[in-house]
């Protein structure tokens, strides 16, 4: 799924997710999961719903 409006995109395409950037934010900034290892952040089975705003 892809939705575009006013120069922004919301997409469920897992290929667009920037795993390194997501992991950096979660492990350094998000209080609920600081120091989380990268393995749980990497894309998981196709039954999991992914989305991103760009």
Protein backbone atom coordinates (compact mmCIF):
# COMPACT_ATOMS: atom_id res chain seq x y z
CA UNK A 1 0.00 0.00 0.00
CA UNK A 2 1.21 3.50 -0.78
CA UNK A 3 -0.54 6.78 -0.01
CA UNK A 4 0.84 10.15 -1.17
CA UNK A 5 -0.28 13.65 -0.25
CA UNK A 6 1.43 17.06 -0.04
CA UNK A 7 4.88 15.60 -0.69
CA UNK A 8 4.60 12.91 2.00
CA UNK A 9 4.31 9.17 1.48
CA UNK A 10 2.94 6.47 3.78
CA UNK A 11 3.95 3.02 2.62
CA UNK A 12 3.84 -0.59 3.78
CA UNK A 13 6.79 -1.52 1.54
CA UNK A 14 9.33 -3.19 3.85
CA UNK A 15 12.12 -2.38 1.38
CA UNK A 16 11.77 1.34 2.19
CA UNK A 17 12.38 0.87 5.93
CA UNK A 18 15.81 2.11 7.04
CA UNK A 19 16.61 -0.53 9.65
CA UNK A 20 19.88 1.09 10.80
CA UNK A 21 18.14 4.41 11.43
CA UNK A 22 15.18 2.74 13.18
CA UNK A 23 17.52 0.74 15.40
CA UNK A 24 19.58 3.83 16.25
CA UNK A 25 16.47 5.72 17.36
CA UNK A 26 15.08 2.83 19.37
CA UNK A 27 18.36 1.93 21.08
CA UNK A 28 19.42 5.51 21.87
CA UNK A 29 16.30 7.65 22.17
CA UNK A 30 13.16 5.61 22.89
CA UNK A 31 12.91 5.26 26.68
CA UNK A 32 10.96 2.00 26.47
CA UNK A 33 13.69 0.05 24.65
CA UNK A 34 17.06 1.77 25.14
CA UNK A 35 19.99 -0.50 24.31
CA UNK A 36 17.79 -2.92 22.36
CA UNK A 37 19.90 -5.20 20.15
CA UNK A 38 19.50 -4.92 16.40
CA UNK A 39 18.13 -8.45 15.86
CA UNK A 40 14.55 -7.77 17.13
CA UNK A 41 14.37 -4.60 15.01
CA UNK A 42 15.19 -6.24 11.69
CA UNK A 43 12.22 -7.14 9.49
CA UNK A 44 10.34 -10.12 10.78
CA UNK A 45 8.00 -12.63 9.11
CA UNK A 46 5.51 -11.39 6.53
CA UNK A 47 2.67 -11.75 9.04
CA UNK A 48 3.92 -8.59 10.78
CA UNK A 49 2.54 -5.25 9.57
CA UNK A 50 5.17 -2.65 8.67
CA UNK A 51 4.58 0.96 7.70
CA UNK A 52 6.64 4.09 7.33
CA UNK A 53 6.20 7.78 6.70
CA UNK A 54 8.57 9.50 4.27
